[in-house]
N, C-alpha and C. Protein backbone atom coordinates (compact mmCIF):
# COMPACT_ATOMS: atom_id res chain seq x y z
N MET A 1 114.52 81.24 95.85
CA MET A 1 113.33 81.27 95.27
C MET A 1 112.58 82.78 95.61
N LYS A 2 112.97 83.39 96.86
CA LYS A 2 112.35 84.38 97.29
C LYS A 2 113.03 85.58 96.51
N LEU A 3 114.58 85.23 96.35
CA LEU A 3 115.24 86.59 95.64
C LEU A 3 115.02 86.32 94.38
N MET A 4 114.54 85.34 93.57
CA MET A 4 113.96 85.57 92.25
C MET A 4 112.97 86.08 92.14
N VAL A 5 111.90 85.72 92.91
CA VAL A 5 110.46 86.55 93.07
C VAL A 5 110.45 87.99 93.01
N ASN A 6 111.52 88.50 94.10
CA ASN A 6 111.83 89.84 94.33
C ASN A 6 112.64 90.37 92.97
N LEU A 7 113.31 90.09 92.67
CA LEU A 7 114.23 90.60 91.56
C LEU A 7 112.98 90.58 90.35
N ALA A 8 112.30 89.83 90.01
CA ALA A 8 111.05 89.94 88.95
C ALA A 8 110.11 91.14 89.38
N LYS A 9 109.82 91.14 90.44
CA LYS A 9 108.87 92.42 91.06
C LYS A 9 109.67 93.69 90.79
N LEU A 10 110.90 93.55 91.16
CA LEU A 10 111.93 94.92 90.93
C LEU A 10 111.73 95.40 89.28
N PHE A 11 112.04 94.45 88.40
CA PHE A 11 112.18 94.55 87.24
C PHE A 11 110.72 94.53 86.35
N ILE A 12 109.92 94.17 86.68
CA ILE A 12 108.62 94.32 86.47
C ILE A 12 108.10 95.68 86.85
N GLY A 13 108.41 95.99 87.78
CA GLY A 13 107.77 97.43 88.33
C GLY A 13 108.65 98.51 87.98
N LEU A 14 109.98 98.52 87.70
CA LEU A 14 110.30 99.19 86.66
C LEU A 14 110.20 99.58 85.40
N PHE A 15 109.66 98.32 84.80
CA PHE A 15 109.12 98.53 83.51
C PHE A 15 108.00 99.58 83.28
N LEU A 16 106.98 98.97 84.19
CA LEU A 16 105.58 99.42 84.48
C LEU A 16 105.71 101.05 84.60
N PHE A 17 106.91 101.27 85.53
CA PHE A 17 106.88 102.88 85.82
C PHE A 17 107.45 103.59 84.59
N ALA A 18 108.07 102.99 83.85
CA ALA A 18 108.52 103.58 82.59
C ALA A 18 107.39 103.59 81.70
N LEU A 19 106.68 102.27 81.55
CA LEU A 19 105.37 102.48 80.77
C LEU A 19 104.51 103.35 81.26
N GLY A 20 104.28 103.80 82.44
CA GLY A 20 103.44 104.72 82.96
C GLY A 20 103.81 106.16 82.43
N ALA A 21 105.19 106.17 82.57
CA ALA A 21 105.73 107.72 82.24
C ALA A 21 105.39 108.16 80.74
N VAL A 22 105.78 106.99 80.03
CA VAL A 22 105.61 107.25 78.61
C VAL A 22 104.16 107.69 78.30
N CYS A 23 103.35 106.89 78.98
CA CYS A 23 101.77 106.94 78.58
C CYS A 23 101.60 108.72 78.75
N THR A 24 102.14 108.97 80.02
CA THR A 24 102.10 110.54 80.60
C THR A 24 102.47 111.56 79.38
N ILE A 25 103.72 111.12 78.82
CA ILE A 25 104.55 111.94 78.07
C ILE A 25 103.53 111.97 76.65
N ASN A 26 103.27 110.81 76.11
CA ASN A 26 102.24 110.68 74.80
C ASN A 26 100.97 111.36 75.01
N ALA A 27 100.80 111.73 76.52
CA ALA A 27 99.12 112.05 76.33
C ALA A 27 99.22 113.43 76.03
N ASN A 28 100.29 114.23 75.78
CA ASN A 28 100.65 115.42 75.27
C ASN A 28 99.78 116.71 75.88
N LEU A 29 99.70 116.64 77.34
CA LEU A 29 99.27 117.56 78.26
C LEU A 29 99.83 118.23 79.15
N GLY A 30 101.44 117.91 78.94
CA GLY A 30 102.17 118.21 79.95
C GLY A 30 102.69 117.18 80.90
N LEU A 31 103.86 117.34 81.39
CA LEU A 31 104.78 116.31 82.04
C LEU A 31 104.64 116.38 83.48
N GLN A 32 104.89 115.18 84.11
CA GLN A 32 105.34 115.17 85.61
C GLN A 32 106.41 116.03 85.71
N PRO A 33 106.69 116.58 86.93
CA PRO A 33 107.97 117.65 87.09
C PRO A 33 108.96 117.32 86.66
N TRP A 34 109.50 115.97 87.27
CA TRP A 34 110.76 115.43 86.82
C TRP A 34 111.00 115.01 85.20
N ASP A 35 109.83 114.71 84.71
CA ASP A 35 109.98 114.32 83.32
C ASP A 35 110.01 115.59 82.64
N VAL A 36 109.46 116.99 83.06
CA VAL A 36 109.43 118.10 82.52
C VAL A 36 111.21 118.36 82.40
N LEU A 37 111.94 118.13 83.48
CA LEU A 37 113.43 118.36 83.41
C LEU A 37 113.94 117.40 82.40
N HIS A 38 113.65 116.31 82.28
CA HIS A 38 114.42 115.46 81.64
C HIS A 38 114.11 115.71 79.98
N GLN A 39 112.81 116.28 79.69
CA GLN A 39 112.58 116.55 78.51
C GLN A 39 113.14 117.92 77.98
N GLY A 40 113.51 118.90 78.83
CA GLY A 40 114.18 119.99 78.74
C GLY A 40 115.40 119.60 78.54
N LEU A 41 116.20 118.75 79.32
CA LEU A 41 117.51 118.20 78.85
C LEU A 41 117.63 117.85 77.57
N SER A 42 116.69 116.89 77.38
CA SER A 42 116.93 116.29 75.96
C SER A 42 116.69 117.18 74.64
N ARG A 43 115.89 118.63 75.10
CA ARG A 43 115.73 119.50 73.96
C ARG A 43 116.91 120.33 73.70
N THR A 44 117.52 120.44 74.97
CA THR A 44 118.67 121.32 75.26
C THR A 44 119.99 120.56 74.41
N PHE A 45 120.18 119.36 74.92
CA PHE A 45 121.62 118.67 74.77
C PHE A 45 120.96 117.55 73.61
N PRO A 46 122.01 116.93 72.82
CA PRO A 46 121.65 116.06 71.80
C PRO A 46 121.59 114.47 72.58
N ILE A 47 120.51 114.21 73.65
CA ILE A 47 120.28 113.01 74.27
C ILE A 47 119.00 112.80 74.15
N THR A 48 118.50 111.64 74.63
CA THR A 48 117.38 110.97 74.60
C THR A 48 116.68 111.49 76.00
N ILE A 49 115.03 111.34 76.10
CA ILE A 49 114.39 111.57 77.55
C ILE A 49 115.00 110.54 78.35
N GLY A 50 115.25 109.30 77.82
CA GLY A 50 115.56 108.11 78.75
C GLY A 50 117.05 108.39 79.41
N LEU A 51 118.00 108.84 78.36
CA LEU A 51 119.29 109.02 78.95
C LEU A 51 119.50 110.37 79.84
N ALA A 52 118.65 111.08 79.63
CA ALA A 52 118.47 112.70 80.55
C ALA A 52 118.00 111.74 81.93
N ASN A 53 116.99 110.95 81.94
CA ASN A 53 116.52 110.47 83.02
C ASN A 53 117.59 109.80 83.81
N ILE A 54 118.62 108.96 82.84
CA ILE A 54 119.50 108.33 83.79
C ILE A 54 120.61 109.07 84.33
N LEU A 55 121.03 110.27 83.57
CA LEU A 55 121.84 111.26 84.16
C LEU A 55 121.48 112.14 85.21
N VAL A 56 120.36 112.10 85.23
CA VAL A 56 119.89 113.09 86.52
C VAL A 56 119.77 112.07 87.55
N ALA A 57 119.40 110.83 87.41
CA ALA A 57 119.47 109.90 88.57
C ALA A 57 120.65 109.71 89.19
N LEU A 58 121.80 109.71 88.30
CA LEU A 58 123.19 109.44 88.44
C LEU A 58 123.70 110.39 89.64
N CYS A 59 123.19 111.78 89.31
CA CYS A 59 123.56 112.90 89.90
C CYS A 59 123.05 112.83 91.25
N ILE A 60 121.85 112.43 91.13
CA ILE A 60 120.81 112.14 92.46
C ILE A 60 121.63 111.16 93.53
N VAL A 61 122.25 110.16 92.82
CA VAL A 61 122.57 109.13 93.65
C VAL A 61 124.23 109.35 94.28
N ILE A 62 124.79 109.98 93.55
CA ILE A 62 126.06 110.76 93.93
C ILE A 62 125.75 111.79 95.12
N LEU A 63 124.75 112.64 95.02
CA LEU A 63 124.36 113.41 96.11
C LEU A 63 123.70 112.60 97.33
N ASN A 64 122.89 111.76 96.88
CA ASN A 64 122.54 111.00 97.99
C ASN A 64 123.54 110.18 99.09
N ARG A 65 124.72 109.80 98.26
CA ARG A 65 125.61 109.17 98.88
C ARG A 65 126.63 110.50 99.87
N ILE A 66 126.61 111.37 99.08
CA ILE A 66 127.51 112.50 99.72
C ILE A 66 126.85 112.76 100.95
N PHE A 67 125.34 112.81 101.31
CA PHE A 67 124.53 113.11 102.42
C PHE A 67 124.36 111.74 103.23
N GLY A 68 125.12 110.32 102.92
CA GLY A 68 125.23 109.54 103.69
C GLY A 68 123.95 108.56 103.37
N GLU A 69 123.06 108.83 102.40
CA GLU A 69 122.04 107.84 102.16
C GLU A 69 122.72 106.34 101.58
N LYS A 70 122.06 105.30 102.19
CA LYS A 70 122.41 103.90 101.56
C LYS A 70 121.92 103.97 100.05
N ILE A 71 122.58 103.20 99.43
CA ILE A 71 122.41 102.83 98.05
C ILE A 71 122.15 101.14 97.82
N GLY A 72 121.10 100.87 97.21
CA GLY A 72 120.82 99.30 97.08
C GLY A 72 120.51 98.84 95.83
N PHE A 73 120.71 97.76 95.44
CA PHE A 73 120.51 97.33 94.11
C PHE A 73 119.41 98.00 93.33
N GLY A 74 118.30 98.06 94.10
CA GLY A 74 117.35 98.60 93.37
C GLY A 74 117.38 100.10 93.10
N THR A 75 118.15 100.65 93.92
CA THR A 75 118.68 101.95 93.50
C THR A 75 119.18 102.23 92.05
N LEU A 76 120.08 101.40 92.15
CA LEU A 76 121.01 101.49 90.75
C LEU A 76 120.09 101.17 89.53
N ALA A 77 119.44 99.93 89.72
CA ALA A 77 118.57 99.59 88.84
C ALA A 77 117.49 100.48 88.38
N ASN A 78 116.68 101.20 89.42
CA ASN A 78 115.83 102.37 89.16
C ASN A 78 116.75 103.37 88.24
N MET A 79 117.90 103.75 88.54
CA MET A 79 118.72 104.78 87.88
C MET A 79 118.80 104.30 86.56
N ILE A 80 119.11 103.19 86.06
CA ILE A 80 119.57 102.54 84.77
C ILE A 80 118.38 102.23 84.02
N PHE A 81 117.56 101.40 84.25
CA PHE A 81 116.38 100.84 83.54
C PHE A 81 115.51 101.64 83.24
N ILE A 82 115.01 102.38 84.22
CA ILE A 82 113.63 103.26 83.75
C ILE A 82 113.89 103.74 82.50
N GLY A 83 115.18 104.66 82.60
CA GLY A 83 115.51 105.45 81.43
C GLY A 83 115.73 104.50 80.14
N LEU A 84 116.09 103.25 80.14
CA LEU A 84 116.28 102.53 79.10
C LEU A 84 114.97 102.00 78.74
N PHE A 85 114.32 101.66 79.84
CA PHE A 85 112.82 101.34 78.99
C PHE A 85 111.85 102.20 78.48
N MET A 86 112.25 103.64 79.00
CA MET A 86 111.54 104.86 78.33
C MET A 86 111.75 104.92 77.26
N ASP A 87 113.14 104.91 76.73
CA ASP A 87 113.88 105.04 75.31
C ASP A 87 113.20 103.98 74.31
N LEU A 88 113.17 102.64 74.99
CA LEU A 88 112.87 101.67 74.07
C LEU A 88 111.42 101.79 73.68
N LEU A 89 110.81 102.23 74.68
CA LEU A 89 109.22 102.48 74.24
C LEU A 89 108.89 103.71 73.37
N LEU A 90 109.77 104.64 73.78
CA LEU A 90 109.57 106.08 72.91
C LEU A 90 110.13 105.54 71.43
N LEU A 91 111.26 105.49 71.33
CA LEU A 91 112.17 105.49 70.17
C LEU A 91 111.41 104.34 69.22
N ASN A 92 110.65 103.07 69.70
CA ASN A 92 110.24 102.26 68.94
C ASN A 92 108.50 102.54 68.78
N HIS A 93 108.02 103.54 69.16
CA HIS A 93 106.78 103.95 69.29
C HIS A 93 105.85 103.18 69.58
N LEU A 94 106.07 102.57 70.71
CA LEU A 94 105.20 101.27 70.97
C LEU A 94 104.00 101.65 72.02
N VAL A 95 103.87 102.97 72.32
CA VAL A 95 102.70 103.67 72.99
C VAL A 95 102.19 104.72 72.05
N PRO A 96 101.04 104.73 71.87
CA PRO A 96 100.05 105.78 70.81
C PRO A 96 100.30 107.09 71.22
N ILE A 97 100.36 108.06 70.53
CA ILE A 97 100.16 109.40 70.70
C ILE A 97 98.84 109.86 70.81
N ALA A 98 98.37 110.68 71.83
CA ALA A 98 97.05 110.94 72.07
C ALA A 98 96.97 112.35 71.23
N HIS A 99 95.75 112.81 70.59
CA HIS A 99 95.51 113.80 70.13
C HIS A 99 94.26 114.34 70.42
N HIS A 100 93.06 113.82 70.72
CA HIS A 100 91.98 114.37 71.49
C HIS A 100 91.76 114.54 72.94
N PHE A 101 91.33 115.66 73.39
CA PHE A 101 91.30 115.76 74.73
C PHE A 101 90.95 114.77 75.79
N TYR A 102 89.80 114.05 75.19
CA TYR A 102 89.27 112.84 76.40
C TYR A 102 90.18 111.73 76.34
N THR A 103 91.02 111.52 75.17
CA THR A 103 91.68 110.42 75.25
C THR A 103 93.21 111.06 75.74
N GLN A 104 93.56 112.25 75.77
CA GLN A 104 94.61 112.68 76.25
C GLN A 104 94.58 112.54 77.94
N LEU A 105 93.17 112.72 78.41
CA LEU A 105 92.76 112.75 79.80
C LEU A 105 92.97 110.98 80.25
N LEU A 106 92.41 110.21 79.52
CA LEU A 106 92.29 108.94 79.76
C LEU A 106 93.79 108.19 79.85
N MET A 107 94.86 108.87 79.12
CA MET A 107 96.20 108.40 78.83
C MET A 107 96.76 108.78 80.07
N ILE A 108 96.67 109.98 80.75
CA ILE A 108 96.97 110.53 81.92
C ILE A 108 96.74 109.54 82.90
N LEU A 109 95.49 109.34 83.00
CA LEU A 109 95.04 108.50 84.36
C LEU A 109 95.49 107.34 84.10
N ALA A 110 95.72 106.42 82.79
CA ALA A 110 96.17 104.97 82.62
C ALA A 110 97.61 105.03 82.84
N GLY A 111 98.25 106.15 82.80
CA GLY A 111 99.90 106.35 82.87
C GLY A 111 99.97 106.27 84.63
N LEU A 112 99.05 107.19 85.47
CA LEU A 112 99.18 107.30 86.81
C LEU A 112 98.92 106.02 87.54
N ILE A 113 97.91 105.25 86.96
CA ILE A 113 97.62 104.15 87.56
C ILE A 113 98.97 102.74 87.15
N ILE A 114 99.36 102.99 86.06
CA ILE A 114 100.61 101.92 85.88
C ILE A 114 101.77 102.36 86.66
N ILE A 115 101.92 103.84 86.87
CA ILE A 115 103.02 104.22 87.56
C ILE A 115 103.02 103.66 89.14
N SER A 116 101.43 103.95 89.55
CA SER A 116 101.48 103.36 91.05
C SER A 116 101.64 101.81 91.05
N PHE A 117 101.23 101.04 89.95
CA PHE A 117 101.36 99.63 90.49
C PHE A 117 102.96 99.42 90.52
N GLY A 118 103.60 99.87 89.27
CA GLY A 118 104.90 99.77 89.02
C GLY A 118 105.87 100.30 90.45
N THR A 119 105.40 101.36 90.95
CA THR A 119 105.96 101.84 92.31
C THR A 119 105.90 100.64 93.57
N TYR A 120 104.63 100.25 93.33
CA TYR A 120 104.53 99.23 94.57
C TYR A 120 105.32 97.97 94.27
N LEU A 121 105.29 97.66 93.10
CA LEU A 121 106.33 96.34 92.90
C LEU A 121 107.77 96.85 93.23
N TYR A 122 108.37 97.60 92.47
CA TYR A 122 109.74 97.85 92.95
C TYR A 122 110.07 98.37 94.42
N MET A 123 109.05 99.02 95.18
CA MET A 123 109.36 99.27 96.47
C MET A 123 109.13 98.35 97.41
N SER A 124 108.36 97.36 96.99
CA SER A 124 108.04 95.83 97.84
C SER A 124 109.02 94.73 97.77
N ALA A 125 109.65 95.17 96.59
CA ALA A 125 111.04 94.35 96.21
C ALA A 125 111.84 94.12 97.45
N GLY A 126 112.14 95.43 97.90
CA GLY A 126 113.15 95.62 99.05
C GLY A 126 114.65 95.71 98.78
N PHE A 127 114.85 96.33 97.46
CA PHE A 127 116.24 96.39 97.06
C PHE A 127 116.73 97.82 97.05
N GLY A 128 115.96 98.72 98.04
CA GLY A 128 116.43 100.08 98.22
C GLY A 128 115.89 101.03 97.47
N ALA A 129 115.62 102.04 97.93
CA ALA A 129 114.74 103.40 97.45
C ALA A 129 115.33 103.80 96.02
N GLY A 130 114.20 104.34 95.18
CA GLY A 130 114.79 104.82 93.97
C GLY A 130 115.75 106.26 94.54
N PRO A 131 116.44 106.63 93.30
CA PRO A 131 117.32 107.90 93.55
C PRO A 131 116.42 109.10 94.06
N ARG A 132 115.39 109.54 93.80
CA ARG A 132 114.81 110.61 94.00
C ARG A 132 113.82 110.48 95.23
N ASP A 133 113.41 109.29 95.49
CA ASP A 133 112.77 109.24 96.88
C ASP A 133 113.85 109.04 97.93
N GLY A 134 114.99 108.59 97.60
CA GLY A 134 116.07 108.55 98.38
C GLY A 134 116.61 110.27 98.83
N LEU A 135 116.49 110.81 97.77
CA LEU A 135 116.74 112.23 97.96
C LEU A 135 115.82 113.00 98.92
N MET A 136 114.55 112.65 98.63
CA MET A 136 113.45 113.45 99.48
C MET A 136 113.60 112.70 100.99
N VAL A 137 114.04 111.70 101.22
CA VAL A 137 114.24 111.18 102.66
C VAL A 137 115.31 112.01 103.47
N VAL A 138 116.42 111.82 102.62
CA VAL A 138 117.73 112.59 103.19
C VAL A 138 117.66 113.80 103.31
N LEU A 139 117.05 114.63 102.36
CA LEU A 139 116.70 116.21 102.57
C LEU A 139 115.58 116.36 103.81
N ALA A 140 114.78 115.73 103.84
CA ALA A 140 113.98 115.76 105.12
C ALA A 140 114.59 115.51 106.29
N ARG A 141 115.43 114.50 106.35
CA ARG A 141 116.22 114.20 107.74
C ARG A 141 117.39 115.27 107.96
N LYS A 142 117.68 115.79 106.96
CA LYS A 142 118.77 116.90 107.21
C LYS A 142 118.08 118.19 107.26
N THR A 143 117.19 118.33 106.90
CA THR A 143 116.47 120.09 107.27
C THR A 143 115.50 119.96 108.22
N GLY A 144 114.86 118.94 108.67
CA GLY A 144 113.72 118.81 109.61
C GLY A 144 112.69 119.05 109.11
N GLN A 145 112.47 119.16 107.78
CA GLN A 145 111.34 119.41 107.13
C GLN A 145 110.27 118.19 107.02
N SER A 146 109.02 118.15 106.65
CA SER A 146 108.21 117.02 106.31
C SER A 146 108.75 116.34 105.00
N VAL A 147 108.40 115.25 104.71
CA VAL A 147 108.56 114.44 103.42
C VAL A 147 107.63 115.15 102.56
N ARG A 148 106.65 115.79 102.75
CA ARG A 148 105.85 116.30 102.02
C ARG A 148 106.29 117.54 101.41
N VAL A 149 107.05 118.36 102.26
CA VAL A 149 107.46 119.78 102.08
C VAL A 149 108.80 119.49 101.04
N VAL A 150 109.54 118.70 101.57
CA VAL A 150 110.68 118.39 100.76
C VAL A 150 110.23 117.76 99.21
N ARG A 151 109.43 116.95 99.17
CA ARG A 151 109.15 116.50 97.95
C ARG A 151 108.36 117.48 97.11
N THR A 152 107.60 118.42 97.46
CA THR A 152 107.24 119.55 96.77
C THR A 152 108.19 120.69 96.49
N VAL A 153 109.08 120.90 97.03
CA VAL A 153 110.56 121.72 96.71
C VAL A 153 111.05 121.23 95.85
N ASN A 154 111.50 119.85 95.99
CA ASN A 154 112.28 118.90 94.82
C ASN A 154 111.36 119.06 93.58
N GLU A 155 110.35 118.63 93.36
CA GLU A 155 109.52 118.78 92.34
C GLU A 155 109.37 120.02 91.84
N GLY A 156 109.21 121.02 92.51
CA GLY A 156 109.10 122.39 91.94
C GLY A 156 110.40 123.01 91.51
N VAL A 157 111.41 122.65 92.06
CA VAL A 157 112.76 123.06 91.35
C VAL A 157 113.00 122.29 89.98
N ALA A 158 112.85 120.85 89.86
CA ALA A 158 112.73 120.14 88.79
C ALA A 158 111.81 120.59 87.72
N LEU A 159 110.84 121.16 88.30
CA LEU A 159 109.76 121.59 87.33
C LEU A 159 110.15 122.95 86.54
N VAL A 160 110.81 123.84 87.35
CA VAL A 160 111.09 125.20 87.02
C VAL A 160 112.45 125.16 86.07
N PHE A 161 113.26 124.17 86.52
CA PHE A 161 114.49 124.21 85.45
C PHE A 161 114.09 123.28 84.28
N GLY A 162 113.29 122.56 84.37
CA GLY A 162 112.76 121.63 83.01
C GLY A 162 112.18 122.79 82.02
N TRP A 163 111.17 123.56 82.65
CA TRP A 163 110.55 124.56 81.94
C TRP A 163 111.28 125.76 81.11
N LEU A 164 112.46 126.12 82.30
CA LEU A 164 113.53 127.01 81.38
C LEU A 164 113.98 126.24 80.57
N LEU A 165 114.31 125.12 80.43
CA LEU A 165 115.05 124.32 79.12
C LEU A 165 113.88 123.77 78.06
N GLY A 166 112.83 124.17 78.27
CA GLY A 166 112.00 123.73 77.10
C GLY A 166 111.09 122.59 77.20
N GLY A 167 111.04 122.02 78.72
CA GLY A 167 110.35 121.10 78.86
C GLY A 167 108.75 121.31 79.04
N SER A 168 107.69 120.46 78.80
CA SER A 168 106.47 120.67 78.61
C SER A 168 105.57 120.70 79.77
N VAL A 169 104.99 122.07 80.10
CA VAL A 169 104.02 121.96 81.22
C VAL A 169 102.70 122.54 80.49
N GLY A 170 101.59 121.83 81.45
CA GLY A 170 100.44 122.11 81.01
C GLY A 170 99.35 121.70 82.10
N ILE A 171 98.13 121.45 81.68
CA ILE A 171 97.14 121.09 82.37
C ILE A 171 97.42 119.58 83.13
N GLY A 172 98.08 118.88 82.16
CA GLY A 172 98.37 117.40 82.54
C GLY A 172 99.23 117.41 83.69
N THR A 173 100.14 118.21 83.89
CA THR A 173 101.05 118.42 84.87
C THR A 173 100.33 118.82 86.29
N VAL A 174 99.37 119.63 86.05
CA VAL A 174 98.75 119.77 87.56
C VAL A 174 97.93 118.57 88.04
N ILE A 175 97.52 117.92 86.82
CA ILE A 175 96.55 116.90 87.12
C ILE A 175 97.63 115.84 87.62
N MET A 176 98.68 115.47 87.54
CA MET A 176 99.57 114.59 87.78
C MET A 176 100.14 114.97 89.19
N VAL A 177 100.51 116.27 89.28
CA VAL A 177 100.89 116.29 90.70
C VAL A 177 99.99 116.64 91.51
N SER A 178 98.64 116.89 91.20
CA SER A 178 97.44 116.62 92.25
C SER A 178 97.10 115.16 92.47
N LEU A 179 97.39 114.33 91.63
CA LEU A 179 96.72 112.82 91.66
C LEU A 179 97.67 111.86 91.86
N ILE A 180 98.90 111.90 91.57
CA ILE A 180 99.96 110.81 91.83
C ILE A 180 99.72 110.30 93.26
N GLY A 181 99.76 111.22 94.19
CA GLY A 181 100.00 110.64 95.83
C GLY A 181 98.54 109.96 96.09
N ILE A 182 97.40 110.46 95.49
CA ILE A 182 96.26 109.68 95.91
C ILE A 182 96.39 108.23 95.26
N PHE A 183 96.71 108.17 93.88
CA PHE A 183 96.65 106.93 93.23
C PHE A 183 97.75 105.91 93.92
N VAL A 184 98.98 106.50 94.10
CA VAL A 184 99.90 105.50 94.64
C VAL A 184 99.38 105.05 96.11
N GLN A 185 98.78 105.85 96.78
CA GLN A 185 98.31 105.65 98.06
C GLN A 185 97.01 104.55 97.91
N GLY A 186 96.43 104.96 97.07
CA GLY A 186 95.08 103.92 96.52
C GLY A 186 95.60 102.63 96.37
N VAL A 187 96.77 102.19 95.59
CA VAL A 187 97.19 101.16 94.96
C VAL A 187 97.76 100.41 96.31
N PHE A 188 98.64 100.94 97.07
CA PHE A 188 99.05 100.53 98.23
C PHE A 188 97.94 99.94 98.96
N LYS A 189 96.70 100.37 99.18
CA LYS A 189 95.92 100.27 99.98
C LYS A 189 95.11 98.92 99.39
N ILE A 190 95.11 99.02 98.06
CA ILE A 190 94.36 97.57 97.39
C ILE A 190 95.40 96.61 97.72
N CYS A 191 96.79 96.70 97.65
CA CYS A 191 97.81 95.54 97.59
C CYS A 191 98.03 95.62 99.08
N ARG A 192 97.38 96.09 99.98
CA ARG A 192 97.82 95.99 101.61
C ARG A 192 99.26 96.14 101.75
N PHE A 193 99.83 97.15 101.13
CA PHE A 193 101.29 97.47 101.36
C PHE A 193 101.50 98.66 102.03
N ASP A 194 102.53 98.64 103.32
CA ASP A 194 102.75 99.58 103.91
C ASP A 194 104.46 99.77 103.66
N ALA A 195 104.70 100.74 103.03
CA ALA A 195 106.14 101.28 102.57
C ALA A 195 106.81 101.00 103.89
N LYS A 196 106.51 101.66 105.03
CA LYS A 196 107.34 101.88 106.14
C LYS A 196 107.93 100.29 106.72
N ASN A 197 107.01 99.49 106.61
CA ASN A 197 107.37 98.06 107.12
C ASN A 197 108.57 97.33 106.10
N VAL A 198 108.83 97.92 105.01
CA VAL A 198 109.67 97.17 104.07
C VAL A 198 111.15 97.13 104.72
N ARG A 199 111.96 96.01 104.68
CA ARG A 199 113.17 95.94 105.17
C ARG A 199 114.08 95.79 103.94
N HIS A 200 114.69 97.04 103.54
CA HIS A 200 115.33 96.88 102.40
C HIS A 200 116.88 96.18 102.55
N VAL A 201 117.06 95.79 101.41
CA VAL A 201 118.56 95.42 101.42
C VAL A 201 119.29 96.06 100.86
N TYR A 202 120.42 96.86 101.34
CA TYR A 202 121.43 97.50 100.68
C TYR A 202 122.93 97.12 100.35
N LEU A 203 123.44 97.55 99.34
CA LEU A 203 124.75 97.02 98.75
C LEU A 203 125.70 96.82 100.10
N ASP A 204 125.59 97.53 100.77
CA ASP A 204 126.73 97.30 101.92
C ASP A 204 126.42 96.07 102.66
N ARG A 205 125.44 95.91 103.07
CA ARG A 205 124.78 94.63 103.56
C ARG A 205 124.77 93.21 102.69
N GLN A 206 124.68 93.67 101.57
CA GLN A 206 124.74 92.65 100.45
C GLN A 206 126.28 92.08 100.52
N MET A 207 127.00 92.99 100.32
CA MET A 207 128.49 92.93 100.24
C MET A 207 129.00 91.94 101.42
N VAL A 208 128.64 92.59 102.82
CA VAL A 208 129.06 91.84 103.86
C VAL A 208 128.69 90.53 103.98
N SER A 209 127.24 90.09 103.18
CA SER A 209 126.64 88.80 103.66
C SER A 209 127.57 87.90 102.66
N ARG A 210 127.80 88.58 101.31
CA ARG A 210 128.78 87.60 100.40
C ARG A 210 130.17 87.34 101.20
N ILE A 211 130.71 88.10 101.54
CA ILE A 211 132.11 88.01 102.42
C ILE A 211 131.73 86.81 103.08
N LEU A 212 130.90 86.98 104.45
CA LEU A 212 130.45 85.98 105.19
C LEU A 212 130.22 84.58 104.79
N ASN A 213 129.47 85.03 103.85
CA ASN A 213 129.21 83.26 103.25
C ASN A 213 130.38 82.51 102.53
N LYS A 214 131.13 83.55 101.89
CA LYS A 214 132.20 82.82 101.18
C LYS A 214 133.19 82.40 102.25
N SER A 215 133.35 83.28 103.46
CA SER A 215 134.33 82.62 104.44
C SER A 215 133.85 81.44 105.19
N LYS A 216 132.47 81.44 105.38
CA LYS A 216 132.13 80.27 106.03
C LYS A 216 132.17 79.00 105.22
N SER A 217 131.74 79.23 103.73
CA SER A 217 132.27 78.20 102.90
C SER A 217 133.88 77.72 102.57
N VAL A 218 134.64 78.71 102.87
CA VAL A 218 136.35 78.36 102.86
C VAL A 218 136.39 77.62 104.12
N ILE A 219 135.87 77.97 105.31
CA ILE A 219 136.46 77.55 106.41
C ILE A 219 135.65 75.87 106.65
N GLY A 220 134.57 75.88 105.91
CA GLY A 220 133.66 74.59 106.13
C GLY A 220 134.48 73.54 105.45
N GLY A 221 134.89 74.01 104.04
CA GLY A 221 135.84 73.32 103.02
C GLY A 221 136.99 72.80 103.84
N THR A 222 137.84 73.98 104.37
CA THR A 222 139.12 73.44 105.10
C THR A 222 138.92 72.58 106.14
N ASP A 223 137.97 72.70 106.90
CA ASP A 223 137.69 71.85 108.01
C ASP A 223 137.43 70.24 107.67
N GLN A 224 136.73 70.14 106.37
CA GLN A 224 136.31 68.80 105.93
C GLN A 224 137.50 68.25 105.44
N HIS A 225 138.38 69.18 104.61
CA HIS A 225 139.70 68.57 104.11
C HIS A 225 140.48 68.08 105.19
N GLY A 226 140.44 68.64 106.43
CA GLY A 226 141.43 68.40 107.67
C GLY A 226 141.06 66.90 108.12
N LEU A 227 139.51 66.73 107.92
CA LEU A 227 139.09 65.54 108.60
C LEU A 227 139.52 64.72 107.60
């Protein structure tokens, strides 16, 4: 039962994250740093923003593994489903596009709130960190720099490359970079959630558990047969 609840939290969280991201995209005031990169790639190559998201996440997961970072089911789900959900929402025009400044600001704020709740849900499920969060942690560990510094550098690099590829940068980008941490922290506080206390289940541990369970069932079945 607990597994099903956590899986539901994971996928609802990923959908909300994608929905919030699409809200910020359709606000038309500039994108989050990583989405600037995704949009830049989609404008340079014949791919959608969602597929660009998936491909970037895949590259980061590979890099994380090279650096020794553990991968969970949630890591892979994050890599695949956020991009798929974004394309589902964007290609079917399920989120309106804002055209007036105050409406654009409201959409950005709504997007940040939705992203924050999505982050809470998928992180609290305990299936492993998202690819970009994993990269932030592993680089902080390797370089000895603070998570805040590493996150700033990572997002700065994504922003610059995305802008060079034609991604949208504007006042909305500044707003989101300035407020996303505050919004996420606020939602965590409202939900009484401490990310440091989450015990993540990684694929290696999951596979070992399956093997052990199968071994026990086989041994148990043999013993019963022998009796």
